[in-house]
Protein backbone atom coordinates (compact mmCIF):
# COMPACT_ATOMS: atom_id res chain seq x y z
CA UNK A 1 167.17 -147.54 73.93
CA UNK A 2 166.28 -144.77 71.44
CA UNK A 3 167.99 -144.25 68.11
CA UNK A 4 169.05 -140.79 68.89
CA UNK A 5 170.74 -141.91 72.38
CA UNK A 6 172.02 -144.96 70.23
CA UNK A 7 173.95 -142.65 68.16
CA UNK A 8 176.37 -141.42 70.78
CA UNK A 9 178.48 -144.58 70.20
CA UNK A 10 178.78 -142.70 66.66
CA UNK A 11 181.85 -140.74 68.29
CA UNK A 12 179.93 -137.79 69.13
CA UNK A 13 180.21 -136.12 72.46
CA UNK A 14 179.29 -133.11 74.52
CA UNK A 15 181.35 -130.90 76.60
CA UNK A 16 181.01 -127.41 77.94
CA UNK A 17 176.90 -126.66 76.08
CA UNK A 18 179.12 -128.35 72.58
CA UNK A 19 177.82 -131.12 70.88
CA UNK A 20 180.63 -132.65 68.10
CA UNK A 21 178.81 -134.76 65.26
CA UNK A 22 181.00 -136.32 62.92
CA UNK A 23 180.36 -136.88 59.42
CA UNK A 24 182.75 -139.62 57.62
CA UNK A 25 183.40 -141.33 54.26
CA UNK A 26 180.42 -141.78 52.61
CA UNK A 27 176.98 -140.99 53.38
CA UNK A 28 174.90 -143.70 53.30
CA UNK A 29 171.55 -144.01 52.21
CA UNK A 30 168.70 -146.12 51.92
CA UNK A 31 171.41 -148.38 49.25
CA UNK A 32 173.69 -150.19 51.69
CA UNK A 33 177.32 -150.07 51.41
CA UNK A 34 179.82 -152.97 51.87
CA UNK A 35 180.88 -153.38 55.14
CA UNK A 36 184.57 -152.76 54.54
CA UNK A 37 183.93 -149.23 53.46
CA UNK A 38 183.44 -146.26 56.36
CA UNK A 39 180.15 -144.60 56.66
CA UNK A 40 178.07 -141.80 57.96
CA UNK A 41 174.12 -143.46 58.01
CA UNK A 42 171.90 -140.56 57.84
CA UNK A 43 169.28 -142.70 59.67
CA UNK A 44 171.13 -142.35 62.58
CA UNK A 45 172.32 -138.58 62.29
CA UNK A 46 168.81 -137.23 61.88
CA UNK A 47 167.58 -138.41 64.66
CA UNK A 48 170.57 -136.89 66.96
CA UNK A 49 170.17 -134.10 64.91
CA UNK A 50 166.27 -133.68 66.26
CA UNK A 51 167.31 -134.81 69.83
CA UNK A 52 170.19 -131.69 69.64
CA UNK A 53 167.89 -128.93 68.67
CA UNK A 54 165.31 -129.93 71.65
CA UNK A 55 168.11 -130.33 74.30
CA UNK A 56 168.33 -127.20 76.44
CA UNK A 57 171.59 -128.63 77.62
CA UNK A 58 173.57 -128.17 74.15
CA UNK A 59 174.50 -124.56 73.54
CA UNK A 60 176.13 -125.22 70.13
CA UNK A 61 176.94 -127.96 67.30
CA UNK A 62 180.29 -128.69 66.00
CA UNK A 63 180.01 -130.52 62.71
CA UNK A 64 183.65 -132.63 61.91
CA UNK A 65 183.74 -133.69 58.24
CA UNK A 66 185.89 -135.86 56.20
CA UNK A 67 183.87 -137.36 53.86
CA UNK A 68 184.47 -139.04 49.91
CA UNK A 69 180.91 -138.39 48.47
CA UNK A 70 178.09 -140.55 49.27
CA UNK A 71 173.95 -140.32 48.84
CA UNK A 72 172.96 -137.05 47.32
CA UNK A 73 169.27 -137.52 48.74
CA UNK A 74 170.90 -138.62 52.04
CA UNK A 75 173.55 -135.68 51.91
CA UNK A 76 171.23 -133.02 51.39
CA UNK A 77 168.56 -134.19 53.87
CA UNK A 78 171.06 -133.58 56.51
CA UNK A 79 172.12 -130.59 54.84
CA UNK A 80 168.16 -129.00 55.38
CA UNK A 81 168.33 -130.51 59.06
CA UNK A 82 171.43 -128.92 59.41
CA UNK A 83 170.39 -126.31 57.80
CA UNK A 84 167.55 -125.61 60.11
CA UNK A 85 168.78 -125.38 63.20
CA UNK A 86 168.01 -122.51 65.40
CA UNK A 87 171.01 -123.36 67.52
CA UNK A 88 174.91 -122.12 66.56
CA UNK A 89 176.26 -124.28 64.27
CA UNK A 90 179.86 -124.19 62.87
CA UNK A 91 181.72 -126.97 60.42
CA UNK A 92 185.19 -127.85 60.25
CA UNK A 93 186.28 -129.97 57.42
CA UNK A 94 189.78 -132.12 57.55
CA UNK A 95 191.22 -133.80 55.22
CA UNK A 96 188.26 -133.88 52.56
CA UNK A 97 184.96 -132.45 51.69
CA UNK A 98 184.05 -134.34 48.78
CA UNK A 99 180.90 -133.98 46.56
CA UNK A 100 177.93 -134.26 49.16
CA UNK A 101 180.72 -132.86 51.77
CA UNK A 102 179.99 -129.37 50.41
CA UNK A 103 176.50 -129.05 50.86
CA UNK A 104 177.38 -130.37 54.30
CA UNK A 105 179.56 -127.42 55.32
CA UNK A 106 178.08 -124.83 53.62
CA UNK A 107 174.80 -126.04 55.65
CA UNK A 108 176.27 -124.65 58.69
CA UNK A 109 176.03 -121.19 60.25
CA UNK A 110 180.01 -120.67 60.03
CA UNK A 111 181.88 -123.37 57.79
CA UNK A 112 185.73 -123.86 58.63
CA UNK A 113 188.34 -125.70 56.67
CA UNK A 114 191.57 -126.59 58.18
CA UNK A 115 194.54 -125.33 56.35
CA UNK A 116 195.97 -129.10 54.97
CA UNK A 117 192.48 -129.93 53.81
CA UNK A 118 190.92 -129.93 50.28
CA UNK A 119 187.30 -129.31 48.59
CA UNK A 120 186.35 -131.49 45.30
CA UNK A 121 183.69 -130.25 43.39
CA UNK A 122 182.84 -131.97 40.22
CA UNK A 123 179.17 -132.78 38.27
CA UNK A 124 176.94 -135.68 39.51
CA UNK A 125 178.16 -139.16 37.96
CA UNK A 126 176.25 -142.43 38.50
CA UNK A 127 178.35 -145.70 37.98
CA UNK A 128 176.70 -148.99 36.61
CA UNK A 129 173.99 -149.56 33.80
CA UNK A 130 171.88 -146.44 32.44
CA UNK A 131 168.59 -147.35 30.80
CA UNK A 132 166.98 -144.44 28.93
CA UNK A 133 169.76 -142.25 28.28
CA UNK A 134 167.67 -139.25 27.99
CA UNK A 135 165.86 -139.35 31.07
CA UNK A 136 169.19 -139.99 32.54
CA UNK A 137 170.59 -137.06 31.73
CA UNK A 138 167.75 -134.85 32.74
CA UNK A 139 167.38 -136.52 36.07
CA UNK A 140 171.23 -136.12 36.59
CA UNK A 141 170.76 -132.42 35.85
CA UNK A 142 168.14 -131.90 38.24
CA UNK A 143 169.98 -133.17 40.72
CA UNK A 144 173.02 -131.38 40.28
CA UNK A 145 170.84 -128.23 39.77
CA UNK A 146 169.58 -129.23 43.51
CA UNK A 147 173.52 -129.12 44.80
CA UNK A 148 174.27 -126.08 43.17
CA UNK A 149 171.13 -124.12 44.08
CA UNK A 150 171.36 -125.33 47.94
CA UNK A 151 175.55 -124.64 47.75
CA UNK A 152 174.86 -120.83 46.15
CA UNK A 153 171.98 -120.27 48.61
CA UNK A 154 174.01 -121.28 51.90
CA UNK A 155 177.61 -119.37 50.64
CA UNK A 156 179.19 -116.67 49.44
CA UNK A 157 180.14 -118.14 45.90
CA UNK A 158 178.44 -117.52 42.54
CA UNK A 159 176.37 -119.94 41.06
CA UNK A 160 178.81 -119.07 37.51
CA UNK A 161 181.98 -119.84 39.64
CA UNK A 162 180.54 -123.25 41.59
CA UNK A 163 179.49 -124.31 37.77
CA UNK A 164 182.75 -123.44 36.17
CA UNK A 165 184.54 -125.26 38.79
CA UNK A 166 182.56 -128.44 38.86
CA UNK A 167 182.51 -128.62 35.10
CA UNK A 168 186.25 -127.65 34.85
CA UNK A 169 188.20 -130.11 31.83
CA UNK A 170 191.85 -129.54 33.15
CA UNK A 171 192.07 -129.73 36.93
CA UNK A 172 191.54 -133.44 37.54
CA UNK A 173 193.52 -136.46 35.84
CA UNK A 174 190.63 -138.61 34.48
CA UNK A 175 187.58 -136.53 35.33
CA UNK A 176 185.36 -133.28 35.41
CA UNK A 177 185.95 -131.18 38.14
CA UNK A 178 188.33 -128.78 40.89
CA UNK A 179 190.09 -129.71 44.00
CA UNK A 180 190.60 -126.43 45.79
CA UNK A 181 192.59 -126.08 48.49
CA UNK A 182 191.20 -125.21 52.02
CA UNK A 183 192.11 -120.99 51.22
CA UNK A 184 191.15 -121.50 47.83
CA UNK A 185 188.04 -122.94 49.07
CA UNK A 186 187.91 -119.68 51.16
CA UNK A 187 188.94 -116.92 48.43
CA UNK A 188 186.12 -118.51 46.62
CA UNK A 189 183.33 -117.87 48.78
CA UNK A 190 182.75 -121.55 49.22
CA UNK A 191 183.78 -121.77 52.72
CA UNK A 192 183.52 -119.03 55.49
CA UNK A 193 187.33 -119.19 56.81
CA UNK A 194 190.58 -120.74 56.88
CA UNK A 195 190.44 -122.65 60.85
CA UNK A 196 191.42 -125.43 63.24
CA UNK A 197 189.58 -126.68 66.25
CA UNK A 198 190.07 -124.14 68.29
CA UNK A 199 188.24 -121.54 65.36
CA UNK A 200 185.75 -123.11 65.53
CA UNK A 201 185.21 -123.89 68.91
CA UNK A 202 185.67 -120.37 69.96
CA UNK A 203 183.21 -118.90 67.08
CA UNK A 204 180.72 -121.68 68.68
CA UNK A 205 181.14 -120.24 72.31
CA UNK A 206 180.78 -116.84 71.33
CA UNK A 207 177.69 -117.07 69.32
CA UNK A 208 176.20 -119.28 71.96
CA UNK A 209 176.85 -116.37 74.65
CA UNK A 210 175.47 -113.84 72.03
């Protein structure tokens, strides 16, 4: 069985020509996370997206997102693949869109967020021992610029507004950043529409027919 076929066990399903892909928990990159951490492995999703793009049976793709962060390079890699798909794509944030979940959401052609969901924006952070502080800070700045550049290129939020939210000092209790409710994320221009499953599916079917 191929890698793409094996990803069907990850909770993806196809009905009516719409393929559903779930990205939940942390996006796992080359560094393995503990067994007790719920993760989405990017090496499983990547071949699935390629197979979906090539499948004549798939008319559109729905990405269900509930993320708590993860590997930046893996997340941006997935986001670039989503943004490069020719089939209609829609994303729906359910629960939380934390950290790398934001580029994944805006990468789709149309993004939705549930009224009860939230988006967390914060600067890139690093855990553990830091060797060579000036070099590390420059590296983190480069990573953050990649994220900011991608998000602003694929949404209506301005660079100034996004950075102000990411670097806010009074919105989070113990960290820099901002938590936006579903409506606030739409008002910021970060997410296209407030909606639920029926709204995302309706848009996908209309886009596929058009």
